[in-house]
Amino acid sequence: MAESTIWWLLAGAAVAIELATGTFYLLMLCMGMVAAAISAHLGLPVTGQIITAAIVGGGAVALWHWRKSKQPKVAPVNANPDVHIDIGEPVQVERWNADGTASVKYRGANWTAVLAATAPGSPDSHGPGQFRIKEMQGSRLVIEKP
């Protein structure tokens, strides 16, 4: 079997595994295998093919990782006002429970609210008053002072 055929089969297997697992980095490594297959067609020895695969595949992974690290971080979905229209809305806390939660009425229903950046189980020192919704965690509202 020709060396180029082996590289093409390895590249095809990498694409199949990538489709099964959903990891994008395997496609970058596949690019290295394709470059090695092309270098095999051009007559490079096996050592040159492996070096070509390593440089192209590794370089593509490093470039993709660098590019992803430069993109701005996306806010978590549960704290994104574009996803949850309730983020930033005011709620009134009448009293805090001993476990650090409060029952608030919001949109005609009772919700359990917790204070942002407060350890669970610790009583709140802020007391009752006006708060705003910072985040939603399932059926709980994470609130903070405005």
C-alpha atoms as a PDB file:
ATOM      1  CA  MET A   1       0.000   0.000   0.000  1.00  0.00           C
ATOM      2  CA  ALA A   2       1.333   3.419  -0.905  1.00  0.00           C
ATOM      3  CA  GLU A   3       2.334   5.835   1.870  1.00  0.00           C
ATOM      4  CA  SER A   4      -0.051   8.472   0.548  1.00  0.00           C
ATOM      5  CA  THR A   5      -2.943   5.998   0.784  1.00  0.00           C
ATOM      6  CA  ILE A   6      -2.165   5.399   4.453  1.00  0.00           C
ATOM      7  CA  TRP A   7      -2.202   9.151   5.123  1.00  0.00           C
ATOM      8  CA  TRP A   8      -5.527   9.537   3.268  1.00  0.00           C
ATOM      9  CA  LEU A   9      -7.034   6.667   5.299  1.00  0.00           C
ATOM     10  CA  LEU A  10      -5.774   8.216   8.547  1.00  0.00           C
ATOM     11  CA  ALA A  11      -7.260  11.573   7.532  1.00  0.00           C
ATOM     12  CA  GLY A  12     -10.592   9.917   6.728  1.00  0.00           C
ATOM     13  CA  ALA A  13     -10.582   8.096  10.074  1.00  0.00           C
ATOM     14  CA  ALA A  14      -9.843  11.394  11.875  1.00  0.00           C
ATOM     15  CA  VAL A  15     -12.811  13.037  10.144  1.00  0.00           C
ATOM     16  CA  ALA A  16     -15.063  10.098  11.078  1.00  0.00           C
ATOM     17  CA  ILE A  17     -13.959  10.258  14.716  1.00  0.00           C
ATOM     18  CA  GLU A  18     -14.445  14.023  14.719  1.00  0.00           C
ATOM     19  CA  LEU A  19     -17.997  13.610  13.451  1.00  0.00           C
ATOM     20  CA  ALA A  20     -18.683  11.085  16.207  1.00  0.00           C
ATOM     21  CA  THR A  21     -17.136  13.128  19.030  1.00  0.00           C
ATOM     22  CA  GLY A  22     -17.647  16.724  17.891  1.00  0.00           C
ATOM     23  CA  THR A  23     -14.136  17.915  18.724  1.00  0.00           C
ATOM     24  CA  PHE A  24     -13.008  20.523  16.229  1.00  0.00           C
ATOM     25  CA  TYR A  25      -9.309  20.011  16.930  1.00  0.00           C
ATOM     26  CA  LEU A  26      -9.323  16.654  15.142  1.00  0.00           C
ATOM     27  CA  LEU A  27     -10.095  18.522  11.920  1.00  0.00           C
ATOM     28  CA  MET A  28      -6.955  20.582  12.457  1.00  0.00           C
ATOM     29  CA  LEU A  29      -4.922  17.399  12.881  1.00  0.00           C
ATOM     30  CA  CYS A  30      -6.632  16.017   9.776  1.00  0.00           C
ATOM     31  CA  MET A  31      -5.240  18.984   7.843  1.00  0.00           C
ATOM     32  CA  GLY A  32      -1.773  17.832   8.880  1.00  0.00           C
ATOM     33  CA  MET A  33      -2.515  14.312   7.634  1.00  0.00           C
ATOM     34  CA  VAL A  34      -3.728  15.687   4.310  1.00  0.00           C
ATOM     35  CA  ALA A  35      -0.525  17.748   4.017  1.00  0.00           C
ATOM     36  CA  ALA A  36       1.482  14.583   4.722  1.00  0.00           C
ATOM     37  CA  ALA A  37      -0.464  12.706   2.020  1.00  0.00           C
ATOM     38  CA  ILE A  38       0.313  15.470  -0.470  1.00  0.00           C
ATOM     39  CA  SER A  39       3.984  15.399   0.547  1.00  0.00           C
ATOM     40  CA  ALA A  40       3.950  11.615  -0.013  1.00  0.00           C
ATOM     41  CA  HIS A  41       2.591  12.239  -3.516  1.00  0.00           C
ATOM     42  CA  LEU A  42       5.456  14.692  -4.064  1.00  0.00           C
ATOM     43  CA  GLY A  43       7.979  12.004  -3.097  1.00  0.00           C
ATOM     44  CA  LEU A  44       9.137  13.137   0.359  1.00  0.00           C
ATOM     45  CA  PRO A  45      10.524  10.352   2.550  1.00  0.00           C
ATOM     46  CA  VAL A  46       8.502   9.089   5.543  1.00  0.00           C
ATOM     47  CA  THR A  47      10.427  11.332   7.951  1.00  0.00           C
ATOM     48  CA  GLY A  48       9.545  14.394   5.869  1.00  0.00           C
ATOM     49  CA  GLN A  49       5.900  13.309   5.738  1.00  0.00           C
ATOM     50  CA  ILE A  50       5.727  12.965   9.538  1.00  0.00           C
ATOM     51  CA  ILE A  51       7.401  16.337  10.031  1.00  0.00           C
ATOM     52  CA  THR A  52       4.974  17.901   7.544  1.00  0.00           C
ATOM     53  CA  ALA A  53       2.005  16.370   9.378  1.00  0.00           C
ATOM     54  CA  ALA A  54       3.328  17.591  12.724  1.00  0.00           C
ATOM     55  CA  ILE A  55       4.048  21.133  11.547  1.00  0.00           C
ATOM     56  CA  VAL A  56       0.793  21.629   9.635  1.00  0.00           C
ATOM     57  CA  GLY A  57      -1.475  19.808  12.112  1.00  0.00           C
ATOM     58  CA  GLY A  58       0.201  21.157  15.236  1.00  0.00           C
ATOM     59  CA  GLY A  59       0.398  24.636  13.751  1.00  0.00           C
ATOM     60  CA  ALA A  60      -3.295  24.562  12.865  1.00  0.00           C
ATOM     61  CA  VAL A  61      -4.203  23.463  16.408  1.00  0.00           C
ATOM     62  CA  ALA A  62      -1.985  26.170  17.942  1.00  0.00           C
ATOM     63  CA  LEU A  63      -3.378  28.834  15.598  1.00  0.00           C
ATOM     64  CA  TRP A  64      -6.976  27.824  16.309  1.00  0.00           C
ATOM     65  CA  HIS A  65      -6.354  27.783  20.071  1.00  0.00           C
ATOM     66  CA  TRP A  66      -4.714  31.237  19.900  1.00  0.00           C
ATOM     67  CA  ARG A  67      -7.595  32.596  17.822  1.00  0.00           C
ATOM     68  CA  LYS A  68     -10.192  31.240  20.273  1.00  0.00           C
ATOM     69  CA  SER A  69      -8.335  32.740  23.244  1.00  0.00           C
ATOM     70  CA  LYS A  70      -8.428  36.211  21.628  1.00  0.00           C
ATOM     71  CA  GLN A  71     -12.215  36.188  21.185  1.00  0.00           C
ATOM     72  CA  PRO A  72     -14.218  37.946  23.893  1.00  0.00           C
ATOM     73  CA  LYS A  73     -15.714  35.705  26.511  1.00  0.00           C
ATOM     74  CA  VAL A  74     -19.432  35.096  26.106  1.00  0.00           C
ATOM     75  CA  ALA A  75     -21.606  35.700  29.144  1.00  0.00           C
ATOM     76  CA  PRO A  76     -23.203  32.575  30.553  1.00  0.00           C
ATOM     77  CA  VAL A  77     -26.638  31.948  29.083  1.00  0.00           C
ATOM     78  CA  ASN A  78     -28.332  32.153  32.476  1.00  0.00           C
ATOM     79  CA  ALA A  79     -26.952  35.693  32.988  1.00  0.00           C
ATOM     80  CA  ASN A  80     -27.407  36.952  29.429  1.00  0.00           C
ATOM     81  CA  PRO A  81     -30.153  39.598  29.096  1.00  0.00           C
ATOM     82  CA  ASP A  82     -30.469  38.741  25.394  1.00  0.00           C
ATOM     83  CA  VAL A  83     -31.624  35.239  26.395  1.00  0.00           C
ATOM     84  CA  HIS A  84     -33.522  35.975  29.626  1.00  0.00           C
ATOM     85  CA  ILE A  85     -35.602  39.140  29.508  1.00  0.00           C
ATOM     86  CA  ASP A  86     -35.853  39.028  33.309  1.00  0.00           C
ATOM     87  CA  ILE A  87     -32.187  39.959  33.850  1.00  0.00           C
ATOM     88  CA  GLY A  88     -32.021  43.427  35.366  1.00  0.00           C
ATOM     89  CA  GLU A  89     -35.679  43.525  36.444  1.00  0.00           C
ATOM     90  CA  PRO A  90     -36.450  44.724  39.984  1.00  0.00           C
ATOM     91  CA  VAL A  91     -37.863  42.521  42.751  1.00  0.00           C
ATOM     92  CA  GLN A  92     -38.911  43.378  46.300  1.00  0.00           C
ATOM     93  CA  VAL A  93     -37.593  41.253  49.191  1.00  0.00           C
ATOM     94  CA  GLU A  94     -39.782  41.415  52.268  1.00  0.00           C
ATOM     95  CA  ARG A  95     -37.625  39.198  54.476  1.00  0.00           C
ATOM     96  CA  TRP A  96     -34.719  36.772  54.249  1.00  0.00           C
ATOM     97  CA  ASN A  97     -34.937  33.197  55.483  1.00  0.00           C
ATOM     98  CA  ALA A  98     -32.321  31.705  57.808  1.00  0.00           C
ATOM     99  CA  ASP A  99     -30.913  29.593  54.942  1.00  0.00           C
ATOM    100  CA  GLY A 100     -30.024  32.696  52.904  1.00  0.00           C
ATOM    101  CA  THR A 101     -32.992  32.471  50.528  1.00  0.00           C
ATOM    102  CA  ALA A 102     -35.992  34.707  50.128  1.00  0.00           C
ATOM    103  CA  SER A 103     -39.420  34.175  48.633  1.00  0.00           C
ATOM    104  CA  VAL A 104     -40.196  36.975  46.179  1.00  0.00           C
ATOM    105  CA  LYS A 105     -43.234  37.658  44.056  1.00  0.00           C
ATOM    106  CA  TYR A 106     -42.271  38.238  40.433  1.00  0.00           C
ATOM    107  CA  ARG A 107     -44.492  38.171  37.354  1.00  0.00           C
ATOM    108  CA  GLY A 108     -47.411  36.940  39.438  1.00  0.00           C
ATOM    109  CA  ALA A 109     -45.624  33.893  40.840  1.00  0.00           C
ATOM    110  CA  ASN A 110     -43.535  33.095  43.906  1.00  0.00           C
ATOM    111  CA  TRP A 111     -39.836  32.585  43.234  1.00  0.00           C
ATOM    112  CA  THR A 112     -36.961  31.522  45.442  1.00  0.00           C
ATOM    113  CA  ALA A 113     -34.233  34.143  45.398  1.00  0.00           C
ATOM    114  CA  VAL A 114     -30.637  33.974  46.579  1.00  0.00           C
ATOM    115  CA  LEU A 115     -28.212  36.831  46.950  1.00  0.00           C
ATOM    116  CA  ALA A 116     -25.367  36.903  44.438  1.00  0.00           C
ATOM    117  CA  ALA A 117     -21.909  36.136  45.860  1.00  0.00           C
ATOM    118  CA  THR A 118     -23.321  34.895  49.162  1.00  0.00           C
ATOM    119  CA  ALA A 119     -22.462  31.440  50.389  1.00  0.00           C
ATOM    120  CA  PRO A 120     -25.535  29.186  50.644  1.00  0.00           C
ATOM    121  CA  GLY A 121     -26.825  28.859  54.174  1.00  0.00           C
ATOM    122  CA  SER A 122     -25.486  32.162  55.445  1.00  0.00           C
ATOM    123  CA  PRO A 123     -28.069  34.731  56.504  1.00  0.00           C
ATOM    124  CA  ASP A 124     -28.210  37.941  54.517  1.00  0.00           C
ATOM    125  CA  SER A 125     -26.911  41.152  56.054  1.00  0.00           C
ATOM    126  CA  HIS A 126     -28.604  43.439  53.538  1.00  0.00           C
ATOM    127  CA  GLY A 127     -32.071  43.089  54.963  1.00  0.00           C
ATOM    128  CA  PRO A 128     -35.295  43.591  53.042  1.00  0.00           C
ATOM    129  CA  GLY A 129     -35.597  46.038  50.183  1.00  0.00           C
ATOM    130  CA  GLN A 130     -35.347  46.525  46.453  1.00  0.00           C
ATOM    131  CA  PHE A 131     -33.071  44.172  44.497  1.00  0.00           C
ATOM    132  CA  ARG A 132     -32.538  43.399  40.820  1.00  0.00           C
ATOM    133  CA  ILE A 133     -32.252  40.064  39.057  1.00  0.00           C
ATOM    134  CA  LYS A 134     -28.642  39.301  38.119  1.00  0.00           C
ATOM    135  CA  GLU A 135     -28.969  35.707  36.932  1.00  0.00           C
ATOM    136  CA  MET A 136     -31.379  32.801  36.715  1.00  0.00           C
ATOM    137  CA  GLN A 137     -30.349  29.363  37.957  1.00  0.00           C
ATOM    138  CA  GLY A 138     -33.158  27.017  37.060  1.00  0.00           C
ATOM    139  CA  SER A 139     -36.135  28.138  39.118  1.00  0.00           C
ATOM    140  CA  ARG A 140     -34.057  30.400  41.371  1.00  0.00           C
ATOM    141  CA  LEU A 141     -33.411  34.080  40.925  1.00  0.00           C
ATOM    142  CA  VAL A 142     -29.934  35.311  41.783  1.00  0.00           C
ATOM    143  CA  ILE A 143     -30.408  38.894  42.945  1.00  0.00           C
ATOM    144  CA  GLU A 144     -28.213  41.812  43.918  1.00  0.00           C
ATOM    145  CA  LYS A 145     -28.607  45.329  45.241  1.00  0.00           C
ATOM    146  CA  PRO A 146     -29.162  47.820  42.391  1.00  0.00           C
END
